Structures are given as C-alpha cells and as structure tokens.
Amino acid sequence: MTATITTAMDKSTCEYALGYSNAEHDRLIRQALLIAPITERFLREAGIGTGHRVLDLGSGLGDVSMVVAGLVGPSGEVVGLERDASSIAKASARVEAARFRNVVFAQGDVNDIVSEKTFDAAVGRFILMFQTDPLSVLKSVSRLVRPSGILAFQEPSWTGMLAMAARLPLWSRVLGNIHEMFLRSGINPEMGLDLPGKFQTIGLPAPTMHLDMLLGSDATFTGIMLGLLRSLLPLAEKHGLPLAELGYINTLSERIQAEIAAANAVVGFVPIVSAWARKPF
C-alpha cells in the first residue's frame, strides 16, 4: 500500500546522526520494546482511539506506528513518514509479520508535507530533537491535523538522568560523552522541555505534560545506552572527542555492571517528556 502524502526532501533537516546500520536498528527495536508501555499509555491519555487517522512522524522501524495501529483498530489508519528507505522496508516487513492491515509508510522529509486528507492526530517520538528547525516541522504537521485534532509528541530531557548518574563515575562519563556528542552535532537533548513553548508559538494551547524515567540495573537495560554510544562513534571521531578515557569499549558493559553492583545502585533511562494538545477550532 502507498500512503497518500507527499513531501519535499528539505535539506534544512539534519541527517539522522545515529545512522541506519543493522546494529542501530537492533538498538532502536530494543529501546522501543522498553518504552512501549509509556508511549501506549500516553497516546491513550491524549485521546487517540478507534477509527482515527494518525500521522506518525519519523516512523523509523514502525514501533510507534504499531502501537498506534492497535489503538485505532481496523477502522483506523496509520501513516508513517520516514526518510530512510531501508528503515521503511524493515518497518513494512515487521508490520506485515504483526498482521496489521491499517499501517502504510511514505518516504520523505518531515517538512512541507502534503496530504489529500487531514489527520485526526499527529504523533512523534524522539524526532523533533534531531530537527534543525523543530518549530517549522510542528507548523507543517499542524496544518495537516483537523480542528480539535491531537498533536502528541515524546521527547527527551537528559538533565535528571545525568544528575542521577553522578555517583557512578564510569557510567557518568559514558552518558556525558553521549550528551556532548549530541550537543556538538546539533541534537537537542532537552527537546522535551522545549515542547510547551513550541506548541504555543504555533498557536496550540499549553500542552498536557508528564515525565517518565525508567530505572534499572541489568546489562540489558544499560546495553541500550552503550549501543547508542557505539552508534555515535563516527561523530566522536568527527568532533574530536577523546573516548580513550572510557577504556576498551568492548569491556565497558562488564565494567559498568561491576560499578553498579559495587554501589548497590540503579541507573535511569532517558527521561521521556510527553506532551499533547488539541488544535483549536
């Protein structure tokens, strides 16, 4: 199936800094599985339900699209917009394997989207943080949502996670290096806290918001962030970030787990800010 939307490939949107390798795709799937309950609960709270037509911005491997597909049911439709063809191919295969018949994908950029029909809702998770001009993206998306329709986005706020990590020196350095690579690459790790200002600037009401931070200590939990570090290694070299202080990267997992166990501690996963609002009439 082909989605009935078209886009312009706008060069003002930054390339996805984490790349599209198989390893990064695997990390994204593991991350999505971890935070899926948070996203589903949020989208239910926002009012997305049976029969809705929903645009999933930056749909990636289809994880959010499938969460939405379960909420809107067979009478609804999910249109996932993604710029990377390999991600769309994998997402389409996963959607088919999951037996969803109400999800389609379109390839294109998130700016200047044109659709033959309006949407009841537009959603996105960890997408605005990568945009050069997130305000322009929100304006473009808002035009496609019907009056009283829903805009619902989840974005990160790293501040709490970094503060919590301070008592674990090695883990803190890992997160600090990732954070620094984000900043040097133009990625906004505090996009979540910027959402209310962005919403209101484009004429939406102040959003309903909350913050969730998962806690854990096992290698599966910390491994997602170490996978993120590995995906960012090309950026570290580009920006001249010295990672030698972390030691041999292939032993990082064992050393971090030993540090957590010695401190009898837990660590936080990226705090997720969820914000939704209805478009005024």
Protein backbone atom coordinates (compact mmCIF):
# COMPACT_ATOMS: atom_id res chain seq x y z
CA MET A 1 0.00 0.00 0.00
CA THR A 2 1.13 3.56 -0.69
CA ALA A 3 0.39 6.44 1.63
CA THR A 4 -1.48 9.40 0.18
CA ILE A 5 1.04 12.01 1.29
CA THR A 6 3.93 13.67 -0.49
CA THR A 7 6.89 15.62 0.84
CA ALA A 8 9.80 17.70 -0.22
CA MET A 9 13.23 16.41 0.78
CA ASP A 10 14.26 19.52 2.71
CA LYS A 11 18.00 19.86 3.23
CA SER A 12 17.41 22.05 6.29
CA THR A 13 16.60 18.91 8.23
CA CYS A 14 19.73 17.35 9.72
CA GLU A 15 20.68 13.82 8.78
CA TYR A 16 19.84 11.21 11.39
CA ALA A 17 23.03 11.37 13.42
CA LEU A 18 22.87 7.77 14.63
CA GLY A 19 22.87 6.27 11.16
CA TYR A 20 20.94 3.32 9.75
CA SER A 21 23.21 0.36 10.46
CA ASN A 22 21.84 -3.03 11.44
CA ALA A 23 23.29 -2.53 14.91
CA GLU A 24 21.47 0.79 15.31
CA HIS A 25 18.24 -0.74 14.04
CA ASP A 26 18.60 -3.51 16.60
CA ARG A 27 19.21 -0.96 19.35
CA LEU A 28 16.12 1.01 18.33
CA ILE A 29 13.96 -2.10 18.47
CA ARG A 30 15.25 -2.95 21.97
CA GLN A 31 14.70 0.63 23.08
CA ALA A 32 11.18 0.65 21.64
CA LEU A 33 10.28 -2.53 23.48
CA LEU A 34 11.46 -0.98 26.74
CA ILE A 35 9.46 2.23 26.43
CA ALA A 36 6.40 0.94 24.54
CA PRO A 37 4.17 0.90 27.67
CA ILE A 38 4.97 4.58 28.31
CA THR A 39 4.10 5.52 24.75
CA GLU A 40 0.88 3.49 24.66
CA ARG A 41 -0.34 4.93 27.95
CA PHE A 42 0.46 8.45 26.75
CA LEU A 43 -1.34 8.08 23.42
CA ARG A 44 -4.42 6.68 25.15
CA GLU A 45 -4.34 9.64 27.53
CA ALA A 46 -4.08 12.02 24.57
CA GLY A 47 -7.31 10.59 23.18
CA ILE A 48 -6.13 8.56 20.21
CA GLY A 49 -8.60 5.77 19.65
CA THR A 50 -10.83 3.70 17.39
CA GLY A 51 -11.21 4.92 13.82
CA HIS A 52 -8.64 7.70 13.95
CA ARG A 53 -6.36 8.52 11.05
CA VAL A 54 -2.93 9.21 12.52
CA LEU A 55 0.35 10.52 11.10
CA ASP A 56 3.47 9.05 12.74
CA LEU A 57 6.34 11.45 12.14
CA GLY A 58 9.77 9.88 11.70
CA SER A 59 8.32 6.39 11.89
CA GLY A 60 11.66 4.57 11.71
CA LEU A 61 11.22 0.83 12.13
CA GLY A 62 7.48 1.16 12.77
CA ASP A 63 7.34 0.70 16.54
CA VAL A 64 5.21 3.74 17.31
CA SER A 65 3.10 3.09 14.21
CA MET A 66 2.26 -0.38 15.53
CA VAL A 67 1.35 0.98 18.97
CA VAL A 68 -0.99 3.46 17.29
CA ALA A 69 -2.38 0.78 14.98
CA GLY A 70 -3.50 -1.20 17.99
CA LEU A 71 -5.27 1.87 19.40
CA VAL A 72 -7.11 2.94 16.23
CA GLY A 73 -8.15 -0.58 15.25
CA PRO A 74 -9.09 -1.93 11.80
CA SER A 75 -11.35 1.06 11.08
CA GLY A 76 -8.46 3.49 11.63
CA GLU A 77 -5.35 4.22 9.60
CA VAL A 78 -1.72 4.96 10.49
CA VAL A 79 0.56 6.71 8.01
CA GLY A 80 4.24 6.51 8.94
CA LEU A 81 6.56 9.10 7.42
CA GLU A 82 10.25 8.15 7.26
CA ARG A 83 13.15 9.43 5.17
CA ASP A 84 15.25 6.22 5.09
CA ALA A 85 14.24 3.55 2.59
CA SER A 86 15.94 0.70 4.47
CA SER A 87 14.02 1.59 7.63
CA ILE A 88 10.75 1.62 5.69
CA ALA A 89 11.50 -1.81 4.22
CA LYS A 90 12.12 -3.28 7.66
CA ALA A 91 9.12 -1.49 9.15
CA SER A 92 6.85 -2.81 6.40
CA ALA A 93 8.06 -6.37 7.00
CA ARG A 94 7.53 -6.05 10.75
CA VAL A 95 4.03 -4.62 10.30
CA GLU A 96 3.13 -7.47 7.96
CA ALA A 97 4.53 -10.05 10.39
CA ALA A 98 2.46 -8.48 13.17
CA ARG A 99 -0.64 -8.77 10.92
CA PHE A 100 -1.51 -5.08 10.96
CA ARG A 101 -3.51 -4.10 7.88
CA ASN A 102 -4.05 -0.47 8.85
CA VAL A 103 -0.48 0.87 8.55
CA VAL A 104 1.20 2.37 5.49
CA PHE A 105 4.54 4.14 5.10
CA ALA A 106 5.71 7.01 2.93
CA GLN A 107 9.28 8.06 2.25
CA GLY A 108 10.11 11.72 2.66
CA ASP A 109 11.22 14.52 4.90
CA VAL A 110 9.14 15.90 7.75
CA ASN A 111 8.91 19.42 6.28
CA ASP A 112 6.30 20.59 3.75
CA ILE A 113 4.09 17.50 3.93
CA VAL A 114 1.06 17.46 1.65
CA SER A 115 -1.87 15.11 2.22
CA GLU A 116 -5.11 14.57 0.33
CA LYS A 117 -6.95 14.19 3.66
CA THR A 118 -6.47 15.64 7.11
CA PHE A 119 -5.43 13.58 10.11
CA ASP A 120 -7.19 13.15 13.42
CA ALA A 121 -3.81 13.15 15.14
CA ALA A 122 -0.09 13.55 14.54
CA VAL A 123 2.43 11.83 16.80
CA GLY A 124 6.18 11.56 17.09
CA ARG A 125 8.75 10.06 19.44
CA PHE A 126 12.37 11.25 19.63
CA ILE A 127 12.05 13.04 16.28
CA LEU A 128 11.98 16.79 16.94
CA MET A 129 15.27 16.59 18.85
CA PHE A 130 17.05 15.82 15.56
CA GLN A 131 15.47 18.63 13.55
CA THR A 132 17.33 21.80 12.61
CA ASP A 133 14.06 23.74 12.84
CA PRO A 134 11.55 21.83 15.00
CA LEU A 135 9.17 24.78 15.01
CA SER A 136 8.88 24.61 11.22
CA VAL A 137 8.22 20.88 11.45
CA LEU A 138 5.44 21.38 14.01
CA LYS A 139 3.86 24.09 11.84
CA SER A 140 3.92 21.79 8.81
CA VAL A 141 2.39 18.93 10.75
CA SER A 142 -0.22 21.08 12.48
CA ARG A 143 -1.61 22.17 9.11
CA LEU A 144 -2.47 18.53 8.39
CA VAL A 145 -4.38 17.94 11.63
CA ARG A 146 -8.09 18.75 11.64
CA PRO A 147 -9.50 21.31 14.08
CA SER A 148 -9.83 19.71 17.54
CA GLY A 149 -7.36 17.05 16.38
CA ILE A 150 -4.44 15.89 18.52
CA LEU A 151 -0.72 16.63 18.40
CA ALA A 152 1.21 14.33 20.72
CA PHE A 153 5.00 14.17 21.00
CA GLN A 154 7.53 12.47 23.24
CA GLU A 155 11.00 13.97 23.53
CA PRO A 156 13.90 13.59 25.99
CA SER A 157 15.19 15.65 28.88
CA TRP A 158 18.64 14.41 29.88
CA THR A 159 19.12 16.65 32.93
CA GLY A 160 17.70 14.26 35.52
CA MET A 161 19.49 11.22 34.11
CA LEU A 162 22.86 12.99 34.12
CA ALA A 163 22.36 14.17 37.70
CA MET A 164 21.39 10.69 38.85
CA ALA A 165 24.47 9.18 37.17
CA ALA A 166 26.91 11.48 39.00
CA ARG A 167 27.57 8.97 41.80
CA LEU A 168 28.76 6.36 39.28
CA PRO A 169 31.96 7.77 37.69
CA LEU A 170 32.26 5.45 34.68
CA TRP A 171 28.55 5.46 33.85
CA SER A 172 28.54 9.23 34.25
CA ARG A 173 31.42 9.58 31.78
CA VAL A 174 29.61 7.37 29.25
CA LEU A 175 26.47 9.47 29.43
CA GLY A 176 28.49 12.67 29.45
CA ASN A 177 30.25 11.70 26.23
CA ILE A 178 26.95 10.85 24.52
CA HIS A 179 25.48 14.13 25.71
CA GLU A 180 28.47 16.09 24.43
CA MET A 181 28.29 14.38 21.03
CA PHE A 182 24.61 15.32 20.82
CA LEU A 183 25.36 18.95 21.56
CA ARG A 184 28.23 19.16 19.07
CA SER A 185 26.04 17.58 16.39
CA GLY A 186 23.13 19.99 16.81
CA ILE A 187 20.89 17.44 18.55
CA ASN A 188 18.76 18.85 21.37
CA PRO A 189 18.82 16.51 24.42
CA GLU A 190 16.38 18.85 26.23
CA MET A 191 13.78 18.96 23.46
CA GLY A 192 11.15 17.64 25.84
CA LEU A 193 11.25 20.76 27.99
CA ASP A 194 11.05 22.94 24.87
CA LEU A 195 7.74 21.40 23.78
CA PRO A 196 5.34 23.74 25.63
CA GLY A 197 6.98 26.82 24.15
CA LYS A 198 6.98 25.32 20.64
CA PHE A 199 3.34 24.26 20.91
CA GLN A 200 2.18 27.69 22.00
CA THR A 201 4.31 29.51 19.42
CA ILE A 202 2.43 27.78 16.59
CA GLY A 203 -0.95 28.57 18.14
CA LEU A 204 -1.66 25.44 20.14
CA PRO A 205 -2.78 25.63 23.76
CA ALA A 206 -0.35 24.83 26.54
CA PRO A 207 0.04 21.04 26.37
CA THR A 208 -0.81 18.46 28.98
CA MET A 209 2.55 17.03 30.03
CA HIS A 210 4.29 14.49 32.22
CA LEU A 211 7.75 12.98 32.57
CA ASP A 212 8.66 9.28 32.90
CA MET A 213 12.06 7.83 33.74
CA LEU A 214 12.56 4.08 33.85
CA LEU A 215 15.06 2.68 36.36
CA GLY A 216 17.10 -0.48 36.12
CA SER A 217 20.47 -2.08 36.67
CA ASP A 218 20.92 -5.14 34.44
CA ALA A 219 23.04 -5.31 31.31
CA THR A 220 20.00 -5.38 29.03
CA PHE A 221 18.96 -2.01 30.45
CA THR A 222 22.36 -0.32 30.29
CA GLY A 223 23.18 -2.00 26.98
CA ILE A 224 20.77 0.24 25.09
CA MET A 225 22.78 3.30 26.06
CA LEU A 226 26.06 1.56 25.24
CA GLY A 227 24.60 0.74 21.83
CA LEU A 228 23.83 4.42 21.45
CA LEU A 229 27.46 5.24 22.26
CA ARG A 230 28.64 2.81 19.58
CA SER A 231 26.30 4.35 17.00
CA LEU A 232 27.80 7.74 17.83
CA LEU A 233 31.45 6.69 17.47
CA PRO A 234 31.76 8.17 13.95
CA LEU A 235 30.58 11.50 15.37
CA ALA A 236 33.10 11.26 18.20
CA GLU A 237 35.90 10.97 15.66
CA LYS A 238 34.43 13.79 13.56
CA HIS A 239 34.22 16.15 16.52
CA GLY A 240 37.50 15.11 18.11
CA LEU A 241 36.01 13.74 21.31
CA PRO A 242 38.57 11.61 23.21
CA LEU A 243 36.91 8.37 24.22
CA ALA A 244 40.17 6.77 25.38
CA GLU A 245 39.31 7.69 28.97
CA LEU A 246 36.50 5.15 28.84
CA GLY A 247 38.97 2.36 28.22
CA TYR A 248 38.47 -0.53 25.84
CA ILE A 249 34.89 -0.12 24.64
CA ASN A 250 34.26 -3.86 24.33
CA THR A 251 34.69 -4.25 28.09
CA LEU A 252 32.51 -1.26 29.02
CA SER A 253 29.44 -3.35 29.76
CA GLU A 254 31.23 -5.56 32.28
CA ARG A 255 32.90 -2.61 33.98
CA ILE A 256 29.67 -0.64 34.22
CA GLN A 257 27.81 -3.61 35.66
CA ALA A 258 30.56 -4.06 38.25
CA GLU A 259 30.33 -0.36 39.15
CA ILE A 260 26.55 -0.52 39.57
CA ALA A 261 26.76 -3.71 41.64
CA ALA A 262 29.51 -2.29 43.89
CA ALA A 263 27.36 0.77 44.61
CA ASN A 264 24.19 -1.33 45.00
CA ALA A 265 22.62 1.23 42.66
CA VAL A 266 20.15 1.60 39.84
CA VAL A 267 20.52 3.86 36.82
CA GLY A 268 17.97 5.83 34.89
CA PHE A 269 16.99 5.52 31.26
CA VAL A 270 16.47 8.69 29.24
CA PRO A 271 13.65 10.69 30.89
CA ILE A 272 10.76 10.98 28.43
CA VAL A 273 8.68 14.16 28.36
CA SER A 274 5.22 13.51 26.89
CA ALA A 275 3.17 16.48 25.69
CA TRP A 276 -0.15 16.64 23.88
CA ALA A 277 -2.66 19.29 22.91
CA ARG A 278 -5.74 19.68 20.72
CA LYS A 279 -5.66 22.00 17.74
CA PRO A 280 -8.08 24.90 18.24
CA PHE A 281 -11.11 25.30 16.02
